[in-house]
Amino acid sequence: MTFNSVHSLAMIASLKFARKPTLHLRSTPFQCVPKVVPRFLAAVEAEAPTNEQTSVSIREEEIGKAPAWKRLNYEELGIRNSMIGSTTKKVLNGLKKKGYDVYLVGGCVRDLILKKTPKDFDIITSAELKEVTRTFSWSEIVGKRFPVCHVHMDDTIVEVSSFDTTKCKAGMEFSHHIEAPSGCGKKDHLRWMNCLNRDFTINGLMLDPYARIAYDYFGGIEDIRKAKVRTVIPAETSFQEDCARILRAIRIAARLGFSISKETAHFIKNLSSSVLSLDKGRLLMEMNYMLAFGSGEASLRLLWKFGLLDILLPFQAAYFAQHGFQRRDRRTNMLLSLFSNLDKLLAPNRPCHNSLWVGILALHKALSDRPRNPLAVAAFSLAVHNGGNLLEAVWMLRHWKLRFWILLSLLEGQYCR
């Protein structure tokens, strides 16, 4: 075995991720904490969608008819404010005391309903972003197309967006022509407009922690109950607007164990090649979300299912094809077995360093090229021992290669006596 294949994959680990600062990659290879599967409330238990239900949802999206919107209180959802992070509460209270409306929005609301620990909390407010920076001394506005404010507090970053950004888009003519819900006031319409720009219905939920009410304008609660990932607007339009949503659909379905709606799945396959238009930093960030947070095996299975593995990890796709990948295959599939064991040590709020999953990909390729090669195993073991630095491990073995073989031969001679 040469080190070229290992070294090329190791180079990926040295790249900087273009990621949200709230993603804290650990300096250690992994956190040895068992993955905890939370209990679901009866109100949000997953049920497999039938073909009839799926076809109905597709027809509704085709004619642009929005589902009936709902207000649900904390008691109905089993949510308590004690489930919200303390730093997030400080930001919420700081804005509320100045008279602004504040809400939790997106995936954190979904996770609270599912009784899962959110990876982070996103806030939206009626304050302009400049007002947010005046409220919190250590904060900054980032992003040009979709500006948000990063509030630095207690060694974490809380992301705050503004309804003002949504107002700027209010005059836009949407190609999907989804009608606004009837019987809603000015604030409801503002909330609806913001949720319309979300990727999936289960992320299009808004929570008022002071009124203790959740707002659902696109059937997100029902999709949580059905354990289904579905786009807010028609899937073809959604993915053409932002092709990164294709990878987010895979990531969310893998992490939550949800199915993907028929229409959404259809256009994930049809538009899969569009993810190549994303820059390398964004692709690396999305891959890290999939493989470093405890759902690596499920992510690889879904990437293979929807033809994305050929695009993102062609060697691993060739390995699956060569070994006749099967849906329930785990023990005989070395790559799935490696990530299955890694997933047991991780969780969404306890990720591993990105160099660990890169190292696993490198180890798998090296072992596939030359099974049981001691140099490949030694490189991976040394990388883990040195805190996940695969480049350093490869360099050390290259430098010490002769001495390594001498040591190995001495050990073999000792054990053969």
Protein backbone atom coordinates (compact mmCIF):
# COMPACT_ATOMS: atom_id res chain seq x y z
CA MET A 1 0.00 0.00 0.00
CA THR A 2 1.21 3.52 -0.82
CA PHE A 3 0.21 6.48 1.28
CA ASN A 4 -1.19 8.49 -1.66
CA SER A 5 -4.81 7.53 -1.03
CA VAL A 6 -4.51 8.11 2.71
CA HIS A 7 -2.63 11.36 2.21
CA SER A 8 -5.17 12.80 -0.27
CA LEU A 9 -8.03 12.18 2.12
CA ALA A 10 -5.97 13.50 4.99
CA MET A 11 -5.58 16.79 3.15
CA ILE A 12 -9.33 17.31 3.52
CA ALA A 13 -8.92 17.40 7.28
CA SER A 14 -6.59 20.38 7.02
CA LEU A 15 -9.17 22.53 5.21
CA LYS A 16 -11.16 25.11 7.15
CA PHE A 17 -14.91 24.58 7.22
CA ALA A 18 -17.16 27.41 6.04
CA ARG A 19 -19.56 26.72 8.85
CA LYS A 20 -21.73 28.51 11.37
CA PRO A 21 -19.64 29.47 14.38
CA THR A 22 -22.12 27.62 16.56
CA LEU A 23 -20.59 24.38 15.25
CA HIS A 24 -17.89 23.62 17.81
CA LEU A 25 -15.59 20.93 16.47
CA ARG A 26 -13.82 19.24 19.33
CA SER A 27 -10.05 19.23 19.71
CA THR A 28 -10.17 15.61 20.84
CA PRO A 29 -10.97 12.78 18.38
CA PHE A 30 -14.31 11.95 19.97
CA GLN A 31 -16.37 12.21 23.09
CA CYS A 32 -16.87 8.80 24.70
CA VAL A 33 -20.50 9.38 25.61
CA PRO A 34 -23.15 6.83 24.65
CA LYS A 35 -25.80 8.04 22.29
CA VAL A 36 -29.12 8.62 24.04
CA VAL A 37 -32.37 7.98 22.19
CA PRO A 38 -35.07 10.17 23.79
CA ARG A 39 -38.61 9.03 24.30
CA PHE A 40 -41.25 10.49 22.05
CA LEU A 41 -44.51 11.73 23.45
CA ALA A 42 -47.61 9.95 22.25
CA ALA A 43 -48.68 13.18 20.55
CA VAL A 44 -45.66 13.12 18.27
CA GLU A 45 -45.14 9.39 17.75
CA ALA A 46 -44.00 8.58 14.24
CA GLU A 47 -46.37 6.78 11.94
CA ALA A 48 -45.48 5.65 8.44
CA PRO A 49 -47.30 7.72 5.78
CA THR A 50 -49.52 5.75 3.47
CA ASN A 51 -49.41 6.10 -0.30
CA GLU A 52 -52.79 7.81 -0.19
CA GLN A 53 -51.59 10.41 2.31
CA THR A 54 -48.46 11.07 0.26
CA SER A 55 -50.38 11.55 -2.97
CA VAL A 56 -52.80 13.90 -1.27
CA SER A 57 -49.94 16.07 0.01
CA ILE A 58 -48.45 16.23 -3.49
CA ARG A 59 -51.76 17.30 -5.02
CA GLU A 60 -52.13 20.02 -2.37
CA GLU A 61 -48.68 21.38 -3.18
CA GLU A 62 -49.35 21.30 -6.91
CA ILE A 63 -52.42 23.54 -6.58
CA GLY A 64 -50.63 25.77 -4.05
CA LYS A 65 -53.12 25.21 -1.23
CA ALA A 66 -51.61 25.76 2.19
CA PRO A 67 -52.69 23.49 5.06
CA ALA A 68 -54.79 24.94 7.86
CA TRP A 69 -52.55 26.87 10.23
CA LYS A 70 -52.53 26.19 13.95
CA ARG A 71 -51.66 27.68 17.31
CA LEU A 72 -50.66 25.08 19.88
CA ASN A 73 -49.88 25.71 23.54
CA TYR A 74 -47.06 24.25 25.58
CA GLU A 75 -49.31 21.69 27.25
CA GLU A 76 -50.35 20.20 23.90
CA LEU A 77 -46.74 19.82 22.83
CA GLY A 78 -45.16 18.93 26.17
CA ILE A 79 -42.71 21.85 26.02
CA ARG A 80 -41.28 23.72 29.02
CA ASN A 81 -39.12 26.84 29.07
CA SER A 82 -36.61 24.92 31.19
CA MET A 83 -35.75 23.03 27.99
CA ILE A 84 -34.35 26.24 26.45
CA GLY A 85 -30.64 26.89 26.94
CA SER A 86 -29.66 29.48 29.55
CA THR A 87 -27.63 31.59 27.10
CA THR A 88 -30.53 31.65 24.65
CA LYS A 89 -32.83 32.82 27.46
CA LYS A 90 -30.48 35.74 28.18
CA VAL A 91 -30.68 36.87 24.54
CA LEU A 92 -34.47 36.42 24.45
CA ASN A 93 -34.90 38.39 27.69
CA GLY A 94 -32.54 41.16 26.56
CA LEU A 95 -34.63 41.81 23.44
CA LYS A 96 -37.98 41.32 25.19
CA LYS A 97 -37.12 43.90 27.87
CA LYS A 98 -36.63 46.47 25.11
CA GLY A 99 -40.17 45.81 23.86
CA TYR A 100 -39.38 43.63 20.84
CA ASP A 101 -41.21 40.46 19.85
CA VAL A 102 -38.97 37.41 20.03
CA TYR A 103 -39.46 33.81 18.92
CA LEU A 104 -37.52 30.59 18.63
CA VAL A 105 -37.62 29.32 15.09
CA GLY A 106 -36.49 26.41 12.93
CA GLY A 107 -34.97 23.08 13.90
CA CYS A 108 -34.71 23.90 17.61
CA VAL A 109 -38.53 24.04 17.88
CA ARG A 110 -38.77 20.70 16.09
CA ASP A 111 -36.23 19.15 18.46
CA LEU A 112 -38.01 20.50 21.55
CA ILE A 113 -41.24 18.87 20.35
CA LEU A 114 -39.35 15.61 19.80
CA LYS A 115 -37.75 15.87 23.27
CA LYS A 116 -34.29 16.01 21.69
CA THR A 117 -31.51 18.35 22.73
CA PRO A 118 -31.23 21.05 20.02
CA LYS A 119 -27.81 21.48 18.45
CA ASP A 120 -28.37 25.24 18.76
CA PHE A 121 -31.19 27.75 19.19
CA ASP A 122 -32.12 30.28 16.50
CA ILE A 123 -34.01 33.46 17.42
CA ILE A 124 -36.07 35.80 15.24
CA THR A 125 -37.13 39.24 16.43
CA SER A 126 -39.10 42.30 15.39
CA ALA A 127 -35.99 44.38 16.11
CA GLU A 128 -33.76 45.43 13.25
CA LEU A 129 -30.35 43.79 13.29
CA LYS A 130 -28.71 47.13 14.12
CA GLU A 131 -30.90 47.30 17.23
CA VAL A 132 -29.69 43.81 18.20
CA THR A 133 -26.07 44.97 17.99
CA ARG A 134 -26.91 47.94 20.20
CA THR A 135 -28.54 45.64 22.76
CA PHE A 136 -25.59 43.25 22.98
CA SER A 137 -22.13 44.77 22.98
CA TRP A 138 -20.34 41.71 21.62
CA SER A 139 -22.32 41.00 18.46
CA GLU A 140 -21.86 41.29 14.72
CA ILE A 141 -23.96 41.20 11.57
CA VAL A 142 -22.84 38.52 9.09
CA GLY A 143 -24.07 37.47 5.66
CA LYS A 144 -25.06 39.56 2.66
CA ARG A 145 -27.89 37.66 1.00
CA PHE A 146 -29.50 36.58 4.30
CA PRO A 147 -27.97 38.77 7.02
CA VAL A 148 -28.17 37.60 10.64
CA CYS A 149 -26.67 38.80 13.89
CA HIS A 150 -24.27 36.61 15.87
CA VAL A 151 -24.50 37.37 19.58
CA HIS A 152 -21.42 36.18 21.47
CA MET A 153 -22.23 35.21 25.04
CA ASP A 154 -21.01 32.63 27.58
CA ASP A 155 -18.49 31.18 25.09
CA THR A 156 -21.28 30.40 22.62
CA ILE A 157 -22.89 32.14 19.67
CA VAL A 158 -26.64 32.69 19.41
CA GLU A 159 -27.92 33.46 15.92
CA VAL A 160 -30.56 36.19 15.73
CA SER A 161 -32.45 37.05 12.54
CA SER A 162 -34.92 39.86 11.97
CA PHE A 163 -38.43 40.05 10.55
CA ASP A 164 -37.13 43.14 8.81
CA THR A 165 -35.32 40.85 6.35
CA THR A 166 -38.62 39.12 5.61
CA LYS A 167 -40.31 42.49 5.02
CA CYS A 168 -37.73 43.30 2.35
CA LYS A 169 -38.80 40.14 0.53
CA ALA A 170 -42.52 40.76 0.97
CA GLY A 171 -42.75 42.44 -2.43
CA MET A 172 -41.14 39.51 -4.24
CA GLU A 173 -43.29 37.56 -6.65
CA PHE A 174 -43.04 33.91 -5.67
CA SER A 175 -43.11 31.38 -8.49
CA HIS A 176 -44.92 28.85 -6.29
CA HIS A 177 -47.98 31.09 -5.63
CA ILE A 178 -48.82 29.75 -2.20
CA GLU A 179 -51.76 31.62 -0.74
CA ALA A 180 -51.49 33.29 2.65
CA PRO A 181 -53.65 31.67 5.33
CA SER A 182 -57.05 33.21 5.90
CA GLY A 183 -58.11 34.78 9.17
CA CYS A 184 -54.69 35.98 10.28
CA GLY A 185 -53.64 39.44 11.40
CA LYS A 186 -50.57 41.50 10.62
CA LYS A 187 -48.26 39.62 12.99
CA ASP A 188 -49.50 36.25 11.75
CA HIS A 189 -48.83 37.29 8.17
CA LEU A 190 -45.30 38.38 9.12
CA ARG A 191 -44.65 35.03 10.83
CA TRP A 192 -46.14 33.19 7.84
CA MET A 193 -43.88 35.07 5.41
CA ASN A 194 -40.81 34.06 7.39
CA CYS A 195 -41.85 30.41 7.64
CA LEU A 196 -42.53 30.40 3.88
CA ASN A 197 -38.80 30.92 3.32
CA ARG A 198 -37.86 27.88 5.43
CA ASP A 199 -36.65 24.66 3.84
CA PHE A 200 -38.94 21.99 5.33
CA THR A 201 -42.29 22.03 7.10
CA ILE A 202 -40.82 20.49 10.25
CA ASN A 203 -38.41 23.46 10.37
CA GLY A 204 -41.14 26.00 9.61
CA LEU A 205 -42.35 26.24 13.20
CA MET A 206 -42.20 29.31 15.44
CA LEU A 207 -42.31 29.32 19.24
CA ASP A 208 -43.22 32.25 21.51
CA PRO A 209 -41.64 31.37 24.88
CA TYR A 210 -43.51 34.18 26.67
CA ALA A 211 -47.02 33.44 25.36
CA ARG A 212 -46.08 29.73 25.48
CA ILE A 213 -47.53 29.18 22.01
CA ALA A 214 -46.18 27.44 18.90
CA TYR A 215 -47.25 28.63 15.45
CA ASP A 216 -47.55 26.11 12.61
CA TYR A 217 -48.51 27.53 9.20
CA PHE A 218 -47.46 24.66 6.90
CA GLY A 219 -48.39 21.42 8.63
CA GLY A 220 -45.05 20.90 10.36
CA ILE A 221 -46.58 19.35 13.48
CA GLU A 222 -48.47 16.82 11.39
CA ASP A 223 -45.30 15.94 9.47
CA ILE A 224 -43.47 15.43 12.77
CA ARG A 225 -46.22 13.02 13.79
CA LYS A 226 -45.85 11.21 10.46
CA ALA A 227 -42.04 11.30 10.73
CA LYS A 228 -41.80 12.86 7.28
CA VAL A 229 -39.45 15.38 5.65
CA ARG A 230 -41.38 17.58 3.20
CA THR A 231 -40.49 20.92 1.61
CA VAL A 232 -42.53 24.00 2.49
CA ILE A 233 -42.96 24.98 -1.14
CA PRO A 234 -43.01 22.53 -4.10
CA ALA A 235 -39.79 20.52 -3.94
CA GLU A 236 -38.58 21.32 -7.47
CA THR A 237 -38.80 25.07 -6.80
CA SER A 238 -37.31 24.72 -3.33
CA PHE A 239 -34.22 22.83 -4.53
CA GLN A 240 -33.74 25.15 -7.50
CA GLU A 241 -33.77 28.11 -5.14
CA ASP A 242 -31.20 26.50 -2.84
CA CYS A 243 -29.65 23.16 -3.83
CA ALA A 244 -28.06 22.82 -0.36
CA ARG A 245 -31.56 21.87 0.82
CA ILE A 246 -31.02 18.52 -0.93
CA LEU A 247 -28.20 17.68 1.46
CA ARG A 248 -30.12 19.07 4.43
CA ALA A 249 -33.03 16.76 3.61
CA ILE A 250 -30.67 13.78 3.73
CA ARG A 251 -29.07 14.98 6.95
CA ILE A 252 -32.37 15.61 8.76
CA ALA A 253 -33.93 12.32 7.63
CA ALA A 254 -30.82 10.41 8.73
CA ARG A 255 -30.52 12.12 12.10
CA LEU A 256 -34.22 11.84 13.03
CA GLY A 257 -34.94 8.52 11.33
CA PHE A 258 -37.66 10.21 9.24
CA SER A 259 -38.87 9.20 5.79
CA ILE A 260 -38.82 11.65 2.87
CA SER A 261 -42.09 12.52 1.14
CA LYS A 262 -42.64 11.11 -2.32
CA GLU A 263 -42.43 14.44 -4.13
CA THR A 264 -39.40 15.61 -2.17
CA ALA A 265 -37.60 12.29 -2.79
CA HIS A 266 -38.36 12.48 -6.52
CA PHE A 267 -36.67 15.84 -6.94
CA ILE A 268 -33.74 14.95 -4.68
CA LYS A 269 -32.91 12.24 -7.23
CA ASN A 270 -33.64 14.41 -10.28
CA LEU A 271 -31.67 17.43 -9.07
CA SER A 272 -28.90 15.64 -7.17
CA SER A 273 -26.15 16.80 -9.54
CA SER A 274 -26.96 20.45 -8.72
CA VAL A 275 -25.09 20.12 -5.40
CA LEU A 276 -21.86 20.32 -7.43
CA SER A 277 -22.56 24.05 -7.80
CA LEU A 278 -21.94 24.51 -4.07
CA ASP A 279 -18.48 25.68 -3.04
CA LYS A 280 -16.12 23.19 -1.42
CA GLY A 281 -16.43 24.77 2.01
CA ARG A 282 -20.20 24.38 1.99
CA LEU A 283 -19.96 20.76 0.83
CA LEU A 284 -17.47 19.98 3.60
CA MET A 285 -19.74 21.64 6.16
CA GLU A 286 -22.74 19.56 5.05
CA MET A 287 -20.66 16.36 5.03
CA ASN A 288 -19.47 17.16 8.54
CA TYR A 289 -23.06 17.63 9.72
CA MET A 290 -23.88 14.20 8.31
CA LEU A 291 -20.89 12.20 9.55
CA ALA A 292 -19.73 13.87 12.79
CA PHE A 293 -22.98 14.10 14.77
CA GLY A 294 -23.99 10.49 15.33
CA SER A 295 -25.87 9.65 12.14
CA GLY A 296 -23.03 8.74 9.79
CA GLU A 297 -24.23 5.25 8.89
CA ALA A 298 -27.80 6.40 8.14
CA SER A 299 -26.45 9.33 6.10
CA LEU A 300 -24.29 7.07 3.96
CA ARG A 301 -27.24 4.79 3.30
CA LEU A 302 -29.44 7.70 2.18
CA LEU A 303 -26.67 9.26 0.08
CA TRP A 304 -26.34 5.93 -1.72
CA LYS A 305 -30.10 5.54 -2.11
CA PHE A 306 -30.52 8.93 -3.79
CA GLY A 307 -27.41 8.78 -5.99
CA LEU A 308 -25.50 11.42 -4.05
CA LEU A 309 -22.71 9.14 -2.84
CA ASP A 310 -21.36 8.90 -6.42
CA ILE A 311 -21.07 12.69 -6.44
CA LEU A 312 -19.68 13.33 -2.97
CA LEU A 313 -17.69 10.17 -2.16
CA PRO A 314 -17.10 8.30 -5.43
CA PHE A 315 -14.68 5.75 -3.98
CA GLN A 316 -17.13 4.75 -1.27
CA ALA A 317 -19.91 4.54 -3.88
CA ALA A 318 -17.72 2.22 -5.97
CA TYR A 319 -17.09 0.11 -2.87
CA PHE A 320 -20.86 -0.21 -2.28
CA ALA A 321 -21.44 -1.17 -5.92
CA GLN A 322 -18.57 -3.68 -5.94
CA HIS A 323 -19.76 -5.42 -2.79
CA GLY A 324 -23.43 -5.48 -3.76
CA PHE A 325 -24.85 -3.05 -1.22
CA GLN A 326 -28.00 -4.25 0.52
CA ARG A 327 -30.36 -2.18 2.65
CA ARG A 328 -29.93 -4.27 5.79
CA ASP A 329 -26.27 -5.00 5.21
CA ARG A 330 -24.08 -3.85 8.10
CA ARG A 331 -21.76 -6.49 9.48
CA THR A 332 -20.41 -7.52 6.06
CA ASN A 333 -20.02 -3.90 4.91
CA MET A 334 -16.81 -2.57 6.42
CA LEU A 335 -17.60 1.11 5.84
CA LEU A 336 -21.05 0.93 7.43
CA SER A 337 -19.65 -1.07 10.32
CA LEU A 338 -16.97 1.59 10.99
CA PHE A 339 -19.51 4.43 11.04
CA SER A 340 -22.03 2.39 13.00
CA ASN A 341 -19.48 2.04 15.80
CA LEU A 342 -18.53 5.72 15.58
CA ASP A 343 -22.20 6.77 15.81
CA LYS A 344 -22.53 5.01 19.16
CA LEU A 345 -20.03 7.47 20.65
CA LEU A 346 -21.60 10.65 19.26
CA ALA A 347 -24.76 12.76 19.47
CA PRO A 348 -25.99 16.00 17.82
CA ASN A 349 -24.76 18.02 20.81
CA ARG A 350 -21.55 15.93 21.15
CA PRO A 351 -19.89 15.80 17.71
CA CYS A 352 -16.45 14.46 16.90
CA HIS A 353 -13.63 16.39 15.26
CA ASN A 354 -13.94 16.43 11.47
CA SER A 355 -10.55 14.73 11.10
CA LEU A 356 -11.90 11.57 12.74
CA TRP A 357 -14.47 10.78 10.03
CA VAL A 358 -11.95 11.81 7.36
CA GLY A 359 -9.52 9.37 8.99
CA ILE A 360 -12.14 6.63 8.92
CA LEU A 361 -12.69 7.21 5.19
CA ALA A 362 -8.92 7.08 4.66
CA LEU A 363 -8.58 3.93 6.76
CA HIS A 364 -11.41 2.27 4.84
CA LYS A 365 -9.83 3.08 1.49
CA ALA A 366 -6.42 1.86 2.63
CA LEU A 367 -7.83 -1.40 3.99
CA SER A 368 -9.92 -1.90 0.84
CA ASP A 369 -6.83 -1.45 -1.34
CA ARG A 370 -4.71 -3.79 0.78
CA PRO A 371 -6.63 -5.54 3.57
CA ARG A 372 -4.88 -5.88 6.93
CA ASN A 373 -1.91 -3.78 5.88
CA PRO A 374 -0.22 -2.88 9.18
CA LEU A 375 0.88 0.55 7.95
CA ALA A 376 -2.73 1.58 7.28
CA VAL A 377 -3.85 0.43 10.73
CA ALA A 378 -0.82 2.09 12.32
CA ALA A 379 -1.50 5.41 10.55
CA PHE A 380 -5.09 5.49 11.76
CA SER A 381 -4.18 4.44 15.31
CA LEU A 382 -1.44 7.06 15.48
CA ALA A 383 -3.84 9.74 14.20
CA VAL A 384 -6.38 8.93 16.91
CA HIS A 385 -3.65 8.90 19.55
CA ASN A 386 -2.39 12.32 18.40
CA GLY A 387 -5.81 13.97 18.60
CA GLY A 388 -7.02 13.24 15.07
CA ASN A 389 -4.09 14.72 13.11
CA LEU A 390 -3.99 12.34 10.14
CA LEU A 391 -1.47 14.39 8.15
CA GLU A 392 0.99 14.23 11.02
CA ALA A 393 0.43 10.48 11.39
CA VAL A 394 1.15 9.87 7.69
CA TRP A 395 4.30 12.02 7.88
CA MET A 396 5.54 10.20 10.97
CA LEU A 397 5.06 6.78 9.40
CA ARG A 398 6.79 7.89 6.21
CA HIS A 399 9.69 9.19 8.29
CA TRP A 400 9.84 6.11 10.51
CA LYS A 401 8.82 3.53 7.93
CA LEU A 402 12.07 1.51 8.07
CA ARG A 403 12.13 1.49 11.87
CA PHE A 404 8.45 0.48 11.90
CA TRP A 405 9.09 -2.57 9.74
CA ILE A 406 12.09 -3.54 11.93
CA LEU A 407 9.93 -3.24 15.05
CA LEU A 408 7.13 -5.23 13.41
CA SER A 409 9.51 -8.01 12.39
CA LEU A 410 10.92 -8.16 15.92
CA LEU A 411 7.43 -8.41 17.37
CA GLU A 412 6.46 -11.14 14.91
CA GLY A 413 9.62 -13.05 15.81
CA GLN A 414 8.84 -12.72 19.52
CA TYR A 415 5.28 -14.01 19.13
CA CYS A 416 6.36 -16.85 16.86
CA ARG A 417 8.69 -18.39 19.51
